[in-house]
PDB file of N, CA and C in Angstrom:
ATOM      1  N   UNK A   1      27.490  25.394  -2.419  1.00  0.00           N
ATOM      2  CA  UNK A   1      27.094  24.008  -2.552  1.00  0.00           C
ATOM      3  C   UNK A   1      25.766  23.795  -1.824  1.00  0.00           C
ATOM      4  N   UNK A   2      24.833  23.145  -2.503  1.00  0.00           N
ATOM      5  CA  UNK A   2      23.508  22.890  -1.945  1.00  0.00           C
ATOM      6  C   UNK A   2      23.501  21.511  -1.300  1.00  0.00           C
ATOM      7  N   UNK A   3      23.090  21.458  -0.059  1.00  0.00           N
ATOM      8  CA  UNK A   3      23.027  20.184   0.655  1.00  0.00           C
ATOM      9  C   UNK A   3      21.731  19.465   0.297  1.00  0.00           C
ATOM     10  N   UNK A   4      21.848  18.179  -0.064  1.00  0.00           N
ATOM     11  CA  UNK A   4      20.671  17.378  -0.371  1.00  0.00           C
ATOM     12  C   UNK A   4      20.093  16.821   0.920  1.00  0.00           C
ATOM     13  N   UNK A   5      18.789  16.795   0.997  1.00  0.00           N
ATOM     14  CA  UNK A   5      18.181  16.178   2.175  1.00  0.00           C
ATOM     15  C   UNK A   5      18.293  14.657   2.027  1.00  0.00           C
ATOM     16  N   UNK A   6      18.618  13.981   3.096  1.00  0.00           N
ATOM     17  CA  UNK A   6      18.786  12.529   3.005  1.00  0.00           C
ATOM     18  C   UNK A   6      17.448  11.837   2.740  1.00  0.00           C
ATOM     19  N   UNK A   7      17.468  10.840   1.867  1.00  0.00           N
ATOM     20  CA  UNK A   7      16.272  10.063   1.585  1.00  0.00           C
ATOM     21  C   UNK A   7      16.582   8.591   1.787  1.00  0.00           C
ATOM     22  N   UNK A   8      15.588   7.871   2.209  1.00  0.00           N
ATOM     23  CA  UNK A   8      15.708   6.441   2.416  1.00  0.00           C
ATOM     24  C   UNK A   8      14.689   5.767   1.510  1.00  0.00           C
ATOM     25  N   UNK A   9      15.137   4.793   0.745  1.00  0.00           N
ATOM     26  CA  UNK A   9      14.242   4.055  -0.127  1.00  0.00           C
ATOM     27  C   UNK A   9      13.622   2.907   0.663  1.00  0.00           C
ATOM     28  N   UNK A  10      12.300   2.809   0.599  1.00  0.00           N
ATOM     29  CA  UNK A  10      11.568   1.756   1.300  1.00  0.00           C
ATOM     30  C   UNK A  10      10.987   0.822   0.243  1.00  0.00           C
ATOM     31  N   UNK A  11      11.178  -0.476   0.407  1.00  0.00           N
ATOM     32  CA  UNK A  11      10.698  -1.435  -0.574  1.00  0.00           C
ATOM     33  C   UNK A  11       9.181  -1.596  -0.492  1.00  0.00           C
ATOM     34  N   UNK A  12       8.607  -2.071  -1.569  1.00  0.00           N
ATOM     35  CA  UNK A  12       7.171  -2.334  -1.625  1.00  0.00           C
ATOM     36  C   UNK A  12       6.794  -3.359  -0.559  1.00  0.00           C
ATOM     37  N   UNK A  13       7.640  -4.356  -0.389  1.00  0.00           N
ATOM     38  CA  UNK A  13       7.370  -5.401   0.603  1.00  0.00           C
ATOM     39  C   UNK A  13       7.307  -4.816   2.018  1.00  0.00           C
ATOM     40  N   UNK A  14       8.199  -3.902   2.340  1.00  0.00           N
ATOM     41  CA  UNK A  14       8.196  -3.276   3.661  1.00  0.00           C
ATOM     42  C   UNK A  14       6.961  -2.400   3.852  1.00  0.00           C
ATOM     43  N   UNK A  15       6.572  -1.680   2.803  1.00  0.00           N
ATOM     44  CA  UNK A  15       5.375  -0.843   2.873  1.00  0.00           C
ATOM     45  C   UNK A  15       4.138  -1.707   3.067  1.00  0.00           C
ATOM     46  N   UNK A  16       4.058  -2.818   2.337  1.00  0.00           N
ATOM     47  CA  UNK A  16       2.915  -3.708   2.483  1.00  0.00           C
ATOM     48  C   UNK A  16       2.853  -4.302   3.887  1.00  0.00           C
ATOM     49  N   UNK A  17       3.999  -4.594   4.468  1.00  0.00           N
ATOM     50  CA  UNK A  17       4.021  -5.114   5.840  1.00  0.00           C
ATOM     51  C   UNK A  17       3.491  -4.064   6.818  1.00  0.00           C
ATOM     52  N   UNK A  18       3.882  -2.809   6.641  1.00  0.00           N
ATOM     53  CA  UNK A  18       3.383  -1.726   7.496  1.00  0.00           C
ATOM     54  C   UNK A  18       1.864  -1.594   7.368  1.00  0.00           C
ATOM     55  N   UNK A  19       1.394  -1.604   6.122  1.00  0.00           N
ATOM     56  CA  UNK A  19      -0.037  -1.451   5.870  1.00  0.00           C
ATOM     57  C   UNK A  19      -0.808  -2.622   6.467  1.00  0.00           C
ATOM     58  N   UNK A  20      -0.315  -3.835   6.244  1.00  0.00           N
ATOM     59  CA  UNK A  20      -1.023  -5.017   6.741  1.00  0.00           C
ATOM     60  C   UNK A  20      -1.061  -5.067   8.263  1.00  0.00           C
ATOM     61  N   UNK A  21      -0.052  -4.536   8.930  1.00  0.00           N
ATOM     62  CA  UNK A  21      -0.098  -4.463  10.395  1.00  0.00           C
ATOM     63  C   UNK A  21      -1.215  -3.518  10.843  1.00  0.00           C
ATOM     64  N   UNK A  22      -1.391  -2.410  10.121  1.00  0.00           N
ATOM     65  CA  UNK A  22      -2.474  -1.469  10.441  1.00  0.00           C
ATOM     66  C   UNK A  22      -3.845  -2.080  10.129  1.00  0.00           C
ATOM     67  N   UNK A  23      -3.949  -2.722   8.963  1.00  0.00           N
ATOM     68  CA  UNK A  23      -5.231  -3.271   8.537  1.00  0.00           C
ATOM     69  C   UNK A  23      -5.642  -4.493   9.360  1.00  0.00           C
ATOM     70  N   UNK A  24      -4.701  -5.191   9.948  1.00  0.00           N
ATOM     71  CA  UNK A  24      -5.001  -6.404  10.723  1.00  0.00           C
ATOM     72  C   UNK A  24      -5.918  -6.109  11.896  1.00  0.00           C
ATOM     73  N   UNK A  25      -5.850  -4.903  12.434  1.00  0.00           N
ATOM     74  CA  UNK A  25      -6.721  -4.525  13.550  1.00  0.00           C
ATOM     75  C   UNK A  25      -8.193  -4.542  13.144  1.00  0.00           C
ATOM     76  N   UNK A  26      -8.463  -4.315  11.844  1.00  0.00           N
ATOM     77  CA  UNK A  26      -9.831  -4.305  11.336  1.00  0.00           C
ATOM     78  C   UNK A  26     -10.186  -5.602  10.616  1.00  0.00           C
ATOM     79  N   UNK A  27      -9.301  -6.591  10.671  1.00  0.00           N
ATOM     80  CA  UNK A  27      -9.554  -7.858   9.994  1.00  0.00           C
ATOM     81  C   UNK A  27      -9.436  -7.748   8.489  1.00  0.00           C
ATOM     82  N   UNK A  28      -8.484  -6.935   8.008  1.00  0.00           N
ATOM     83  CA  UNK A  28      -8.306  -6.742   6.574  1.00  0.00           C
ATOM     84  C   UNK A  28      -6.856  -6.995   6.194  1.00  0.00           C
ATOM     85  N   UNK A  29      -6.620  -7.158   4.884  1.00  0.00           N
ATOM     86  CA  UNK A  29      -5.276  -7.383   4.377  1.00  0.00           C
ATOM     87  C   UNK A  29      -5.164  -6.771   2.980  1.00  0.00           C
ATOM     88  N   UNK A  30      -3.994  -6.215   2.669  1.00  0.00           N
ATOM     89  CA  UNK A  30      -3.719  -5.670   1.335  1.00  0.00           C
ATOM     90  C   UNK A  30      -3.156  -6.780   0.474  1.00  0.00           C
ATOM     91  N   UNK A  31      -3.742  -6.980  -0.692  1.00  0.00           N
ATOM     92  CA  UNK A  31      -3.313  -8.037  -1.595  1.00  0.00           C
ATOM     93  C   UNK A  31      -2.834  -7.433  -2.915  1.00  0.00           C
ATOM     94  N   UNK A  32      -1.932  -8.146  -3.582  1.00  0.00           N
ATOM     95  CA  UNK A  32      -1.463  -7.782  -4.914  1.00  0.00           C
ATOM     96  C   UNK A  32      -2.214  -8.639  -5.916  1.00  0.00           C
ATOM     97  N   UNK A  33      -2.778  -8.021  -6.921  1.00  0.00           N
ATOM     98  CA  UNK A  33      -3.478  -8.766  -7.970  1.00  0.00           C
ATOM     99  C   UNK A  33      -2.432  -9.450  -8.842  1.00  0.00           C
ATOM    100  N   UNK A  34      -2.645 -10.728  -9.107  1.00  0.00           N
ATOM    101  CA  UNK A  34      -1.648 -11.498  -9.842  1.00  0.00           C
ATOM    102  C   UNK A  34      -2.062 -11.793 -11.284  1.00  0.00           C
ATOM    103  N   UNK A  35      -3.260 -12.262 -11.508  1.00  0.00           N
ATOM    104  CA  UNK A  35      -3.669 -12.627 -12.865  1.00  0.00           C
ATOM    105  C   UNK A  35      -4.141 -11.393 -13.633  1.00  0.00           C
ATOM    106  N   UNK A  36      -4.191 -11.535 -14.937  1.00  0.00           N
ATOM    107  CA  UNK A  36      -4.635 -10.428 -15.782  1.00  0.00           C
ATOM    108  C   UNK A  36      -6.095 -10.087 -15.507  1.00  0.00           C
ATOM    109  N   UNK A  37      -6.922 -11.108 -15.306  1.00  0.00           N
ATOM    110  CA  UNK A  37      -8.338 -10.865 -15.021  1.00  0.00           C
ATOM    111  C   UNK A  37      -8.509 -10.166 -13.679  1.00  0.00           C
ATOM    112  N   UNK A  38      -7.731 -10.572 -12.702  1.00  0.00           N
ATOM    113  CA  UNK A  38      -7.807  -9.946 -11.379  1.00  0.00           C
ATOM    114  C   UNK A  38      -7.368  -8.481 -11.456  1.00  0.00           C
ATOM    115  N   UNK A  39      -6.313  -8.212 -12.217  1.00  0.00           N
ATOM    116  CA  UNK A  39      -5.850  -6.831 -12.372  1.00  0.00           C
ATOM    117  C   UNK A  39      -6.887  -5.977 -13.082  1.00  0.00           C
ATOM    118  N   UNK A  40      -7.581  -6.560 -14.044  1.00  0.00           N
ATOM    119  CA  UNK A  40      -8.605  -5.814 -14.770  1.00  0.00           C
ATOM    120  C   UNK A  40      -9.806  -5.520 -13.867  1.00  0.00           C
ATOM    121  N   UNK A  41     -10.199  -6.487 -13.055  1.00  0.00           N
ATOM    122  CA  UNK A  41     -11.391  -6.324 -12.214  1.00  0.00           C
ATOM    123  C   UNK A  41     -11.115  -5.552 -10.924  1.00  0.00           C
ATOM    124  N   UNK A  42      -9.948  -5.772 -10.312  1.00  0.00           N
ATOM    125  CA  UNK A  42      -9.674  -5.204  -8.999  1.00  0.00           C
ATOM    126  C   UNK A  42      -8.567  -4.158  -8.979  1.00  0.00           C
ATOM    127  N   UNK A  43      -7.789  -4.042 -10.040  1.00  0.00           N
ATOM    128  CA  UNK A  43      -6.669  -3.114 -10.066  1.00  0.00           C
ATOM    129  C   UNK A  43      -5.395  -3.794  -9.587  1.00  0.00           C
ATOM    130  N   UNK A  44      -4.324  -3.032  -9.481  1.00  0.00           N
ATOM    131  CA  UNK A  44      -3.031  -3.585  -9.103  1.00  0.00           C
ATOM    132  C   UNK A  44      -3.020  -4.091  -7.662  1.00  0.00           C
ATOM    133  N   UNK A  45      -3.683  -3.359  -6.768  1.00  0.00           N
ATOM    134  CA  UNK A  45      -3.780  -3.731  -5.357  1.00  0.00           C
ATOM    135  C   UNK A  45      -5.240  -3.654  -4.927  1.00  0.00           C
ATOM    136  N   UNK A  46      -5.597  -4.485  -3.942  1.00  0.00           N
ATOM    137  CA  UNK A  46      -6.930  -4.418  -3.373  1.00  0.00           C
ATOM    138  C   UNK A  46      -6.882  -4.845  -1.912  1.00  0.00           C
ATOM    139  N   UNK A  47      -7.884  -4.396  -1.153  1.00  0.00           N
ATOM    140  CA  UNK A  47      -7.970  -4.718   0.270  1.00  0.00           C
ATOM    141  C   UNK A  47      -9.085  -5.737   0.446  1.00  0.00           C
ATOM    142  N   UNK A  48      -8.766  -6.810   1.172  1.00  0.00           N
ATOM    143  CA  UNK A  48      -9.691  -7.903   1.380  1.00  0.00           C
ATOM    144  C   UNK A  48     -10.046  -7.997   2.857  1.00  0.00           C
ATOM    145  N   UNK A  49     -11.334  -8.120   3.164  1.00  0.00           N
ATOM    146  CA  UNK A  49     -11.790  -8.348   4.531  1.00  0.00           C
ATOM    147  C   UNK A  49     -11.653  -9.843   4.798  1.00  0.00           C
ATOM    148  N   UNK A  50     -10.835 -10.210   5.785  1.00  0.00           N
ATOM    149  CA  UNK A  50     -10.545 -11.621   6.031  1.00  0.00           C
ATOM    150  C   UNK A  50     -11.697 -12.340   6.711  1.00  0.00           C
ATOM    151  N   UNK A  51     -12.602 -11.623   7.347  1.00  0.00           N
ATOM    152  CA  UNK A  51     -13.736 -12.263   8.007  1.00  0.00           C
ATOM    153  C   UNK A  51     -14.829 -12.663   7.023  1.00  0.00           C
ATOM    154  N   UNK A  52     -15.128 -11.784   6.088  1.00  0.00           N
ATOM    155  CA  UNK A  52     -16.207 -12.039   5.132  1.00  0.00           C
ATOM    156  C   UNK A  52     -15.700 -12.424   3.746  1.00  0.00           C
ATOM    157  N   UNK A  53     -14.389 -12.350   3.534  1.00  0.00           N
ATOM    158  CA  UNK A  53     -13.768 -12.647   2.244  1.00  0.00           C
ATOM    159  C   UNK A  53     -14.320 -11.735   1.145  1.00  0.00           C
ATOM    160  N   UNK A  54     -14.603 -10.499   1.513  1.00  0.00           N
ATOM    161  CA  UNK A  54     -15.127  -9.515   0.570  1.00  0.00           C
ATOM    162  C   UNK A  54     -14.075  -8.440   0.310  1.00  0.00           C
ATOM    163  N   UNK A  55     -14.055  -7.923  -0.901  1.00  0.00           N
ATOM    164  CA  UNK A  55     -13.142  -6.851  -1.265  1.00  0.00           C
ATOM    165  C   UNK A  55     -13.724  -5.537  -0.748  1.00  0.00           C
ATOM    166  N   UNK A  56     -12.933  -4.808   0.045  1.00  0.00           N
ATOM    167  CA  UNK A  56     -13.420  -3.549   0.619  1.00  0.00           C
ATOM    168  C   UNK A  56     -12.876  -2.320  -0.102  1.00  0.00           C
ATOM    169  N   UNK A  57     -11.738  -2.441  -0.760  1.00  0.00           N
ATOM    170  CA  UNK A  57     -11.170  -1.343  -1.551  1.00  0.00           C
ATOM    171  C   UNK A  57     -10.472  -1.956  -2.761  1.00  0.00           C
ATOM    172  N   UNK A  58     -10.666  -1.345  -3.910  1.00  0.00           N
ATOM    173  CA  UNK A  58     -10.058  -1.888  -5.120  1.00  0.00           C
ATOM    174  C   UNK A  58      -9.625  -0.765  -6.046  1.00  0.00           C
ATOM    175  N   UNK A  59      -8.952  -1.137  -7.107  1.00  0.00           N
ATOM    176  CA  UNK A  59      -8.369  -0.213  -8.082  1.00  0.00           C
ATOM    177  C   UNK A  59      -7.410   0.769  -7.406  1.00  0.00           C
ATOM    178  N   UNK A  60      -6.548   0.224  -6.567  1.00  0.00           N
ATOM    179  CA  UNK A  60      -5.492   1.020  -5.939  1.00  0.00           C
ATOM    180  C   UNK A  60      -4.292   0.935  -6.884  1.00  0.00           C
ATOM    181  N   UNK A  61      -4.103   1.941  -7.714  1.00  0.00           N
ATOM    182  CA  UNK A  61      -3.025   1.932  -8.692  1.00  0.00           C
ATOM    183  C   UNK A  61      -1.785   2.634  -8.141  1.00  0.00           C
ATOM    184  N   UNK A  62      -1.973   3.789  -7.538  1.00  0.00           N
ATOM    185  CA  UNK A  62      -0.860   4.557  -6.988  1.00  0.00           C
ATOM    186  C   UNK A  62      -0.794   4.310  -5.485  1.00  0.00           C
ATOM    187  N   UNK A  63       0.084   3.398  -5.088  1.00  0.00           N
ATOM    188  CA  UNK A  63       0.172   2.991  -3.684  1.00  0.00           C
ATOM    189  C   UNK A  63       0.600   4.143  -2.787  1.00  0.00           C
ATOM    190  N   UNK A  64       1.523   4.977  -3.236  1.00  0.00           N
ATOM    191  CA  UNK A  64       1.998   6.101  -2.419  1.00  0.00           C
ATOM    192  C   UNK A  64       0.874   7.095  -2.137  1.00  0.00           C
ATOM    193  N   UNK A  65       0.061   7.400  -3.143  1.00  0.00           N
ATOM    194  CA  UNK A  65      -1.046   8.334  -2.956  1.00  0.00           C
ATOM    195  C   UNK A  65      -2.098   7.733  -2.031  1.00  0.00           C
ATOM    196  N   UNK A  66      -2.391   6.443  -2.201  1.00  0.00           N
ATOM    197  CA  UNK A  66      -3.367   5.776  -1.353  1.00  0.00           C
ATOM    198  C   UNK A  66      -2.919   5.753   0.106  1.00  0.00           C
ATOM    199  N   UNK A  67      -1.628   5.506   0.335  1.00  0.00           N
ATOM    200  CA  UNK A  67      -1.087   5.510   1.698  1.00  0.00           C
ATOM    201  C   UNK A  67      -1.236   6.899   2.310  1.00  0.00           C
ATOM    202  N   UNK A  68      -0.919   7.926   1.536  1.00  0.00           N
ATOM    203  CA  UNK A  68      -1.020   9.293   2.051  1.00  0.00           C
ATOM    204  C   UNK A  68      -2.459   9.648   2.417  1.00  0.00           C
ATOM    205  N   UNK A  69      -3.423   9.144   1.645  1.00  0.00           N
ATOM    206  CA  UNK A  69      -4.833   9.430   1.914  1.00  0.00           C
ATOM    207  C   UNK A  69      -5.373   8.620   3.090  1.00  0.00           C
ATOM    208  N   UNK A  70      -5.076   7.333   3.121  1.00  0.00           N
ATOM    209  CA  UNK A  70      -5.644   6.427   4.119  1.00  0.00           C
ATOM    210  C   UNK A  70      -4.870   6.389   5.435  1.00  0.00           C
ATOM    211  N   UNK A  71      -3.544   6.492   5.347  1.00  0.00           N
ATOM    212  CA  UNK A  71      -2.686   6.368   6.527  1.00  0.00           C
ATOM    213  C   UNK A  71      -1.692   7.529   6.588  1.00  0.00           C
ATOM    214  N   UNK A  72      -2.164   8.735   6.884  1.00  0.00           N
ATOM    215  CA  UNK A  72      -1.240   9.871   6.920  1.00  0.00           C
ATOM    216  C   UNK A  72      -0.170   9.662   7.992  1.00  0.00           C
ATOM    217  N   UNK A  73       1.047   9.976   7.645  1.00  0.00           N
ATOM    218  CA  UNK A  73       2.155   9.844   8.580  1.00  0.00           C
ATOM    219  C   UNK A  73       2.852   8.499   8.529  1.00  0.00           C
ATOM    220  N   UNK A  74       2.338   7.553   7.738  1.00  0.00           N
ATOM    221  CA  UNK A  74       2.989   6.240   7.662  1.00  0.00           C
ATOM    222  C   UNK A  74       4.350   6.365   6.980  1.00  0.00           C
ATOM    223  N   UNK A  75       4.394   7.131   5.904  1.00  0.00           N
ATOM    224  CA  UNK A  75       5.668   7.398   5.244  1.00  0.00           C
ATOM    225  C   UNK A  75       6.246   8.685   5.812  1.00  0.00           C
ATOM    226  N   UNK A  76       7.442   8.606   6.293  1.00  0.00           N
ATOM    227  CA  UNK A  76       8.105   9.795   6.842  1.00  0.00           C
ATOM    228  C   UNK A  76       8.520  10.698   5.677  1.00  0.00           C
ATOM    229  N   UNK A  77       8.738  11.988   5.935  1.00  0.00           N
ATOM    230  CA  UNK A  77       9.098  12.916   4.850  1.00  0.00           C
ATOM    231  C   UNK A  77      10.385  12.542   4.109  1.00  0.00           C
ATOM    232  N   UNK A  78      11.277  11.830   4.762  1.00  0.00           N
ATOM    233  CA  UNK A  78      12.550  11.474   4.135  1.00  0.00           C
ATOM    234  C   UNK A  78      12.501  10.104   3.447  1.00  0.00           C
ATOM    235  N   UNK A  79      11.344   9.438   3.461  1.00  0.00           N
ATOM    236  CA  UNK A  79      11.222   8.130   2.846  1.00  0.00           C
ATOM    237  C   UNK A  79      10.561   8.239   1.463  1.00  0.00           C
ATOM    238  N   UNK A  80      10.983   7.373   0.564  1.00  0.00           N
ATOM    239  CA  UNK A  80      10.342   7.274  -0.737  1.00  0.00           C
ATOM    240  C   UNK A  80      10.176   5.800  -1.070  1.00  0.00           C
ATOM    241  N   UNK A  81       9.135   5.495  -1.811  1.00  0.00           N
ATOM    242  CA  UNK A  81       8.852   4.110  -2.167  1.00  0.00           C
ATOM    243  C   UNK A  81       9.719   3.707  -3.352  1.00  0.00           C
ATOM    244  N   UNK A  82      10.246   2.508  -3.268  1.00  0.00           N
ATOM    245  CA  UNK A  82      11.093   1.953  -4.320  1.00  0.00           C
ATOM    246  C   UNK A  82      10.327   1.875  -5.629  1.00  0.00           C
ATOM    247  N   UNK A  83      11.004   2.198  -6.725  1.00  0.00           N
ATOM    248  CA  UNK A  83      10.416   2.033  -8.045  1.00  0.00           C
ATOM    249  C   UNK A  83       9.702   3.157  -8.584  1.00  0.00           C
TER     250      UNK A  83
END
């Protein structure tokens, strides 16, 4: 019998809270694009600088890959993103 490694599912909301706590130190926030025009111009997710109201990162389609690139170690090896 093969033992499965335990995995914990983390919701998108929890991941966004983790990211926003990290980004808050730099005066930034991760936003979800809501309208069709916003999704076309900025992608599914984008990072907004709260001081200048300027978009600093856009077209973030794969949130898990972006987290791994920008914030290594934020997701533990046993965690997976919901969905």
